[in-house]
PDB file of N, CA and C in Angstrom:
ATOM      1  N   MET A   1       0.493  -1.758  -0.044  1.00  0.00           N
ATOM      2  CA  MET A   1       0.030  -0.330   0.110  1.00  0.00           C
ATOM      3  C   MET A   1       0.546   1.310   0.341  1.00  0.00           C
ATOM      4  N   ARG A   2       0.346   1.873  -1.329  1.00  0.00           N
ATOM      5  CA  ARG A   2       1.234   3.638  -1.134  1.00  0.00           C
ATOM      6  C   ARG A   2       0.157   5.145  -0.566  1.00  0.00           C
ATOM      7  N   ILE A   3       1.377   5.247   0.611  1.00  0.00           N
ATOM      8  CA  ILE A   3       0.081   5.995   0.976  1.00  0.00           C
ATOM      9  C   ILE A   3       1.509   8.649   1.044  1.00  0.00           C
ATOM     10  N   PRO A   4       1.250   8.443   0.393  1.00  0.00           N
ATOM     11  CA  PRO A   4       1.183  10.075   0.713  1.00  0.00           C
ATOM     12  C   PRO A   4       2.289  10.644   1.772  1.00  0.00           C
ATOM     13  N   LEU A   5       2.974  10.764   2.270  1.00  0.00           N
ATOM     14  CA  LEU A   5       3.065  11.712   3.096  1.00  0.00           C
ATOM     15  C   LEU A   5       4.032  13.146   2.425  1.00  0.00           C
ATOM     16  N   TYR A   6       4.189  13.720   3.583  1.00  0.00           N
ATOM     17  CA  TYR A   6       3.973  15.188   3.220  1.00  0.00           C
ATOM     18  C   TYR A   6       4.411  15.555   5.137  1.00  0.00           C
ATOM     19  N   GLN A   7       6.020  16.151   5.680  1.00  0.00           N
ATOM     20  CA  GLN A   7       6.261  16.472   6.557  1.00  0.00           C
ATOM     21  C   GLN A   7       6.690  18.089   6.194  1.00  0.00           C
ATOM     22  N   VAL A   8       5.743  18.262   7.708  1.00  0.00           N
ATOM     23  CA  VAL A   8       5.697  19.500   7.788  1.00  0.00           C
ATOM     24  C   VAL A   8       6.829  20.496   8.986  1.00  0.00           C
ATOM     25  N   ASP A   9       7.311  21.988   9.195  1.00  0.00           N
ATOM     26  CA  ASP A   9       7.217  21.621   9.894  1.00  0.00           C
ATOM     27  C   ASP A   9       6.019  22.891  10.728  1.00  0.00           C
ATOM     28  N   ALA A  10       5.640  22.818  12.261  1.00  0.00           N
ATOM     29  CA  ALA A  10       4.495  23.490  12.612  1.00  0.00           C
ATOM     30  C   ALA A  10       4.784  24.033  13.472  1.00  0.00           C
ATOM     31  N   PHE A  11       4.232  25.436  13.181  1.00  0.00           N
ATOM     32  CA  PHE A  11       4.364  26.200  14.679  1.00  0.00           C
ATOM     33  C   PHE A  11       5.930  27.334  13.594  1.00  0.00           C
ATOM     34  N   THR A  12       5.790  27.503  12.978  1.00  0.00           N
ATOM     35  CA  THR A  12       7.043  28.451  12.252  1.00  0.00           C
ATOM     36  C   THR A  12       6.991  28.213  10.904  1.00  0.00           C
ATOM     37  N   GLN A  13       7.843  30.006  10.903  1.00  0.00           N
ATOM     38  CA  GLN A  13       7.990  30.567   9.361  1.00  0.00           C
ATOM     39  C   GLN A  13       8.889  29.905   8.704  1.00  0.00           C
ATOM     40  N   ARG A  14      10.113  29.089   9.422  1.00  0.00           N
ATOM     41  CA  ARG A  14      11.392  29.127   8.726  1.00  0.00           C
ATOM     42  C   ARG A  14      11.754  27.092   8.669  1.00  0.00           C
ATOM     43  N   VAL A  15      12.043  26.778   7.856  1.00  0.00           N
ATOM     44  CA  VAL A  15      12.167  25.303   6.952  1.00  0.00           C
ATOM     45  C   VAL A  15      13.396  25.334   8.438  1.00  0.00           C
ATOM     46  N   PHE A  16      12.586  23.911   8.459  1.00  0.00           N
ATOM     47  CA  PHE A  16      13.933  22.581   9.572  1.00  0.00           C
ATOM     48  C   PHE A  16      14.246  23.590  11.110  1.00  0.00           C
ATOM     49  N   HIS A  17      13.050  24.318  11.189  1.00  0.00           N
ATOM     50  CA  HIS A  17      12.222  25.051  13.160  1.00  0.00           C
ATOM     51  C   HIS A  17      10.983  24.471  13.063  1.00  0.00           C
ATOM     52  N   GLY A  18      10.675  24.879  14.801  1.00  0.00           N
ATOM     53  CA  GLY A  18       9.569  24.662  15.114  1.00  0.00           C
ATOM     54  C   GLY A  18       9.056  22.586  14.989  1.00  0.00           C
ATOM     55  N   ASN A  19       8.210  21.814  15.091  1.00  0.00           N
ATOM     56  CA  ASN A  19       7.783  20.688  15.337  1.00  0.00           C
ATOM     57  C   ASN A  19       7.714  20.327  13.834  1.00  0.00           C
ATOM     58  N   PRO A  20       8.097  19.376  13.611  1.00  0.00           N
ATOM     59  CA  PRO A  20       7.912  18.182  12.929  1.00  0.00           C
ATOM     60  C   PRO A  20       6.713  17.496  12.561  1.00  0.00           C
ATOM     61  N   ALA A  21       6.459  17.480  11.930  1.00  0.00           N
ATOM     62  CA  ALA A  21       5.125  16.322  12.242  1.00  0.00           C
ATOM     63  C   ALA A  21       4.635  16.232  10.600  1.00  0.00           C
ATOM     64  N   ALA A  22       3.984  14.714  10.759  1.00  0.00           N
ATOM     65  CA  ALA A  22       3.627  13.967   8.485  1.00  0.00           C
ATOM     66  C   ALA A  22       1.711  14.106   8.814  1.00  0.00           C
ATOM     67  N   VAL A  23       1.878  14.611   7.287  1.00  0.00           N
ATOM     68  CA  VAL A  23       0.080  14.506   6.677  1.00  0.00           C
ATOM     69  C   VAL A  23       0.606  14.342   5.657  1.00  0.00           C
ATOM     70  N   CYS A  24      -0.472  13.019   5.634  1.00  0.00           N
ATOM     71  CA  CYS A  24      -1.126  11.673   5.137  1.00  0.00           C
ATOM     72  C   CYS A  24      -2.580  11.951   4.745  1.00  0.00           C
ATOM     73  N   PRO A  25      -2.441  12.314   3.275  1.00  0.00           N
ATOM     74  CA  PRO A  25      -4.475  12.584   3.080  1.00  0.00           C
ATOM     75  C   PRO A  25      -4.353  11.334   2.251  1.00  0.00           C
ATOM     76  N   LEU A  26      -4.766  10.337   2.754  1.00  0.00           N
ATOM     77  CA  LEU A  26      -6.480   8.965   2.653  1.00  0.00           C
ATOM     78  C   LEU A  26      -7.209   9.396   1.587  1.00  0.00           C
ATOM     79  N   GLU A  27      -7.181   8.351   0.300  1.00  0.00           N
ATOM     80  CA  GLU A  27      -8.640   7.922   0.198  1.00  0.00           C
ATOM     81  C   GLU A  27      -9.746   7.493   0.699  1.00  0.00           C
ATOM     82  N   GLN A  28      -9.300   7.033   1.665  1.00  0.00           N
ATOM     83  CA  GLN A  28     -10.368   6.332   2.923  1.00  0.00           C
ATOM     84  C   GLN A  28      -9.894   6.755   3.571  1.00  0.00           C
ATOM     85  N   TRP A  29     -10.814   6.083   5.045  1.00  0.00           N
ATOM     86  CA  TRP A  29     -10.145   5.627   6.411  1.00  0.00           C
ATOM     87  C   TRP A  29      -9.075   4.576   6.395  1.00  0.00           C
ATOM     88  N   LEU A  30      -8.452   4.676   6.674  1.00  0.00           N
ATOM     89  CA  LEU A  30      -7.640   2.784   7.513  1.00  0.00           C
ATOM     90  C   LEU A  30      -8.555   2.441   8.996  1.00  0.00           C
ATOM     91  N   ASP A  31      -8.210   1.590  10.112  1.00  0.00           N
ATOM     92  CA  ASP A  31      -8.591   1.360  10.880  1.00  0.00           C
ATOM     93  C   ASP A  31      -7.050   1.750  11.918  1.00  0.00           C
ATOM     94  N   ASP A  32      -7.687   2.320  13.259  1.00  0.00           N
ATOM     95  CA  ASP A  32      -6.798   3.418  13.961  1.00  0.00           C
ATOM     96  C   ASP A  32      -5.529   2.450  14.066  1.00  0.00           C
ATOM     97  N   LYS A  33      -5.964   0.887  14.303  1.00  0.00           N
ATOM     98  CA  LYS A  33      -4.717   0.043  13.987  1.00  0.00           C
ATOM     99  C   LYS A  33      -3.728   0.446  13.221  1.00  0.00           C
ATOM    100  N   GLN A  34      -3.838   0.624  11.683  1.00  0.00           N
ATOM    101  CA  GLN A  34      -3.119   0.498  10.534  1.00  0.00           C
ATOM    102  C   GLN A  34      -3.459   2.129  10.643  1.00  0.00           C
ATOM    103  N   LEU A  35      -3.276   3.029  11.041  1.00  0.00           N
ATOM    104  CA  LEU A  35      -2.620   4.693  11.028  1.00  0.00           C
ATOM    105  C   LEU A  35      -1.976   4.453  12.384  1.00  0.00           C
ATOM    106  N   GLN A  36      -2.060   3.873  13.422  1.00  0.00           N
ATOM    107  CA  GLN A  36      -1.067   3.852  14.791  1.00  0.00           C
ATOM    108  C   GLN A  36       0.617   3.286  13.385  1.00  0.00           C
ATOM    109  N   SER A  37       0.345   2.216  13.687  1.00  0.00           N
ATOM    110  CA  SER A  37       1.531   1.347  12.898  1.00  0.00           C
ATOM    111  C   SER A  37       2.052   2.815  11.996  1.00  0.00           C
ATOM    112  N   ILE A  38       1.053   3.074  11.331  1.00  0.00           N
ATOM    113  CA  ILE A  38       2.451   3.684  10.256  1.00  0.00           C
ATOM    114  C   ILE A  38       2.382   5.221  10.494  1.00  0.00           C
ATOM    115  N   ALA A  39       1.916   5.764  11.821  1.00  0.00           N
ATOM    116  CA  ALA A  39       2.540   6.544  12.897  1.00  0.00           C
ATOM    117  C   ALA A  39       4.139   6.469  13.793  1.00  0.00           C
ATOM    118  N   ALA A  40       4.181   4.784  14.221  1.00  0.00           N
ATOM    119  CA  ALA A  40       5.388   4.509  14.855  1.00  0.00           C
ATOM    120  C   ALA A  40       6.180   4.635  13.889  1.00  0.00           C
ATOM    121  N   GLU A  41       5.818   4.560  12.848  1.00  0.00           N
ATOM    122  CA  GLU A  41       6.527   4.040  11.307  1.00  0.00           C
ATOM    123  C   GLU A  41       7.808   5.280  11.262  1.00  0.00           C
ATOM    124  N   ASN A  42       6.852   6.194  10.902  1.00  0.00           N
ATOM    125  CA  ASN A  42       7.127   7.829  10.569  1.00  0.00           C
ATOM    126  C   ASN A  42       8.467   7.852  11.812  1.00  0.00           C
ATOM    127  N   ASN A  43       7.953   7.432  12.989  1.00  0.00           N
ATOM    128  CA  ASN A  43       8.894   8.180  14.243  1.00  0.00           C
ATOM    129  C   ASN A  43       8.961   9.886  14.149  1.00  0.00           C
ATOM    130  N   LEU A  44       7.474  10.110  13.856  1.00  0.00           N
ATOM    131  CA  LEU A  44       7.803  11.687  14.476  1.00  0.00           C
ATOM    132  C   LEU A  44       6.507  12.174  15.795  1.00  0.00           C
ATOM    133  N   PRO A  45       6.592  13.504  16.460  1.00  0.00           N
ATOM    134  CA  PRO A  45       6.446  13.845  17.131  1.00  0.00           C
ATOM    135  C   PRO A  45       4.584  13.416  17.201  1.00  0.00           C
ATOM    136  N   GLU A  46       4.067  13.553  15.772  1.00  0.00           N
ATOM    137  CA  GLU A  46       2.813  14.083  15.318  1.00  0.00           C
ATOM    138  C   GLU A  46       2.244  13.495  14.019  1.00  0.00           C
ATOM    139  N   THR A  47       1.321  12.844  13.285  1.00  0.00           N
ATOM    140  CA  THR A  47       1.328  11.987  11.970  1.00  0.00           C
ATOM    141  C   THR A  47      -0.714  12.268  11.885  1.00  0.00           C
ATOM    142  N   ALA A  48      -0.879  12.942  11.058  1.00  0.00           N
ATOM    143  CA  ALA A  48      -1.522  13.575  11.102  1.00  0.00           C
ATOM    144  C   ALA A  48      -2.522  13.155   9.432  1.00  0.00           C
ATOM    145  N   TYR A  49      -4.072  12.434   9.785  1.00  0.00           N
ATOM    146  CA  TYR A  49      -4.507  11.608   7.847  1.00  0.00           C
ATOM    147  C   TYR A  49      -5.575  12.965   8.078  1.00  0.00           C
ATOM    148  N   ILE A  50      -5.494  12.711   6.815  1.00  0.00           N
ATOM    149  CA  ILE A  50      -6.911  13.405   7.008  1.00  0.00           C
ATOM    150  C   ILE A  50      -7.881  12.959   5.085  1.00  0.00           C
ATOM    151  N   VAL A  51      -8.686  12.680   5.229  1.00  0.00           N
ATOM    152  CA  VAL A  51      -9.721  12.337   3.923  1.00  0.00           C
ATOM    153  C   VAL A  51     -11.013  13.417   3.354  1.00  0.00           C
ATOM    154  N   ARG A  52     -11.284  14.231   2.223  1.00  0.00           N
ATOM    155  CA  ARG A  52     -11.849  14.395   1.797  1.00  0.00           C
ATOM    156  C   ARG A  52     -13.468  13.509   1.687  1.00  0.00           C
ATOM    157  N   ILE A  53     -15.171  13.738   2.558  1.00  0.00           N
ATOM    158  CA  ILE A  53     -15.975  12.583   2.646  1.00  0.00           C
ATOM    159  C   ILE A  53     -16.392  13.818   1.398  1.00  0.00           C
ATOM    160  N   LYS A  54     -16.624  12.741   0.869  1.00  0.00           N
ATOM    161  CA  LYS A  54     -17.735  13.234  -0.495  1.00  0.00           C
ATOM    162  C   LYS A  54     -19.242  13.077  -0.240  1.00  0.00           C
ATOM    163  N   GLY A  55     -20.400  13.525  -0.627  1.00  0.00           N
ATOM    164  CA  GLY A  55     -21.959  13.261  -0.287  1.00  0.00           C
ATOM    165  C   GLY A  55     -22.151  13.765   0.604  1.00  0.00           C
ATOM    166  N   SER A  56     -21.183  14.665   1.764  1.00  0.00           N
ATOM    167  CA  SER A  56     -22.432  14.439   2.584  1.00  0.00           C
ATOM    168  C   SER A  56     -21.272  16.388   3.327  1.00  0.00           C
ATOM    169  N   GLY A  57     -22.705  16.498   4.294  1.00  0.00           N
ATOM    170  CA  GLY A  57     -22.151  17.988   4.872  1.00  0.00           C
ATOM    171  C   GLY A  57     -20.516  18.462   5.065  1.00  0.00           C
ATOM    172  N   ILE A  58     -19.781  17.260   5.900  1.00  0.00           N
ATOM    173  CA  ILE A  58     -18.359  17.074   6.118  1.00  0.00           C
ATOM    174  C   ILE A  58     -17.815  17.849   5.385  1.00  0.00           C
ATOM    175  N   LYS A  59     -16.593  17.961   5.196  1.00  0.00           N
ATOM    176  CA  LYS A  59     -15.824  18.588   3.763  1.00  0.00           C
ATOM    177  C   LYS A  59     -15.075  17.380   3.967  1.00  0.00           C
ATOM    178  N   ARG A  60     -14.380  17.379   5.220  1.00  0.00           N
ATOM    179  CA  ARG A  60     -12.681  17.071   5.363  1.00  0.00           C
ATOM    180  C   ARG A  60     -12.856  15.963   6.404  1.00  0.00           C
ATOM    181  N   GLY A  61     -12.327  14.874   6.936  1.00  0.00           N
ATOM    182  CA  GLY A  61     -11.954  14.389   8.072  1.00  0.00           C
ATOM    183  C   GLY A  61     -10.580  14.482   8.173  1.00  0.00           C
ATOM    184  N   LEU A  62     -10.292  14.878   9.920  1.00  0.00           N
ATOM    185  CA  LEU A  62      -9.064  14.977  10.484  1.00  0.00           C
ATOM    186  C   LEU A  62      -8.938  13.895  11.695  1.00  0.00           C
ATOM    187  N   LYS A  63      -7.886  13.157  11.397  1.00  0.00           N
ATOM    188  CA  LYS A  63      -7.293  12.559  12.610  1.00  0.00           C
ATOM    189  C   LYS A  63      -5.757  11.957  12.971  1.00  0.00           C
ATOM    190  N   THR A  64      -5.182  12.339  14.300  1.00  0.00           N
ATOM    191  CA  THR A  64      -3.680  13.000  14.457  1.00  0.00           C
ATOM    192  C   THR A  64      -3.521  11.816  15.378  1.00  0.00           C
ATOM    193  N   PHE A  65      -2.259  11.530  15.321  1.00  0.00           N
ATOM    194  CA  PHE A  65      -1.683  10.325  15.813  1.00  0.00           C
ATOM    195  C   PHE A  65      -0.417  10.519  16.973  1.00  0.00           C
ATOM    196  N   PRO A  66       0.001  10.940  18.391  1.00  0.00           N
ATOM    197  CA  PRO A  66       1.269  11.546  18.770  1.00  0.00           C
ATOM    198  C   PRO A  66       1.480   9.950  18.887  1.00  0.00           C
ATOM    199  N   LEU A  67       3.269  10.432  19.296  1.00  0.00           N
ATOM    200  CA  LEU A  67       4.796   9.255  18.391  1.00  0.00           C
ATOM    201  C   LEU A  67       3.984   7.964  20.135  1.00  0.00           C
ATOM    202  N   ARG A  68       3.924   8.919  20.887  1.00  0.00           N
ATOM    203  CA  ARG A  68       3.609   7.676  22.523  1.00  0.00           C
ATOM    204  C   ARG A  68       2.497   6.985  21.980  1.00  0.00           C
ATOM    205  N   LYS A  69       1.958   5.666  21.650  1.00  0.00           N
ATOM    206  CA  LYS A  69       1.751   4.198  22.078  1.00  0.00           C
ATOM    207  C   LYS A  69       0.643   4.584  23.319  1.00  0.00           C
ATOM    208  N   SER A  70       0.993   5.282  24.063  1.00  0.00           N
ATOM    209  CA  SER A  70      -0.214   4.715  25.225  1.00  0.00           C
ATOM    210  C   SER A  70      -1.231   6.329  25.204  1.00  0.00           C
ATOM    211  N   CYS A  71      -1.104   6.919  24.013  1.00  0.00           N
ATOM    212  CA  CYS A  71      -2.168   8.111  23.518  1.00  0.00           C
ATOM    213  C   CYS A  71      -2.511   7.675  22.988  1.00  0.00           C
ATOM    214  N   SER A  72      -4.728   8.097  22.882  1.00  0.00           N
ATOM    215  CA  SER A  72      -5.131   7.194  21.574  1.00  0.00           C
ATOM    216  C   SER A  72      -5.374   8.506  20.920  1.00  0.00           C
ATOM    217  N   GLY A  73      -5.189   8.108  19.223  1.00  0.00           N
ATOM    218  CA  GLY A  73      -6.342   9.097  18.174  1.00  0.00           C
ATOM    219  C   GLY A  73      -6.834  10.186  18.769  1.00  0.00           C
ATOM    220  N   GLY A  74      -6.503  11.291  17.778  1.00  0.00           N
ATOM    221  CA  GLY A  74      -7.422  12.576  18.548  1.00  0.00           C
ATOM    222  C   GLY A  74      -8.579  12.487  17.183  1.00  0.00           C
ATOM    223  N   HIS A  75      -9.775  12.867  17.009  1.00  0.00           N
ATOM    224  CA  HIS A  75     -10.594  12.734  16.126  1.00  0.00           C
ATOM    225  C   HIS A  75     -11.065  14.451  15.723  1.00  0.00           C
ATOM    226  N   ARG A  76     -11.034  14.910  14.475  1.00  0.00           N
ATOM    227  CA  ARG A  76     -12.165  16.087  14.509  1.00  0.00           C
ATOM    228  C   ARG A  76     -13.271  16.079  13.046  1.00  0.00           C
ATOM    229  N   GLU A  77     -13.701  16.299  13.257  1.00  0.00           N
ATOM    230  CA  GLU A  77     -14.573  16.864  12.149  1.00  0.00           C
ATOM    231  C   GLU A  77     -14.935  18.408  11.597  1.00  0.00           C
ATOM    232  N   SER A  78     -14.373  18.992  10.907  1.00  0.00           N
ATOM    233  CA  SER A  78     -14.907  20.339   9.877  1.00  0.00           C
ATOM    234  C   SER A  78     -15.477  19.925   8.434  1.00  0.00           C
TER     235      SER A  78
END
């Protein structure tokens, strides 16, 4: 399975400063266990997944996973 990954520097205007994070756009949601495994493999403080939700009033969905395995994924839809 190929998933695009973009590494971003959050909370800064300068390259290679701030907090590194991964952003992965998905066609559809994977189960949370897979998302957590991908986040652990990225080895960045935070990994965010976004999905465009078609045919609903929701324009996109977002799930984030911190590197620490003890934390569960956060969920937000906007």
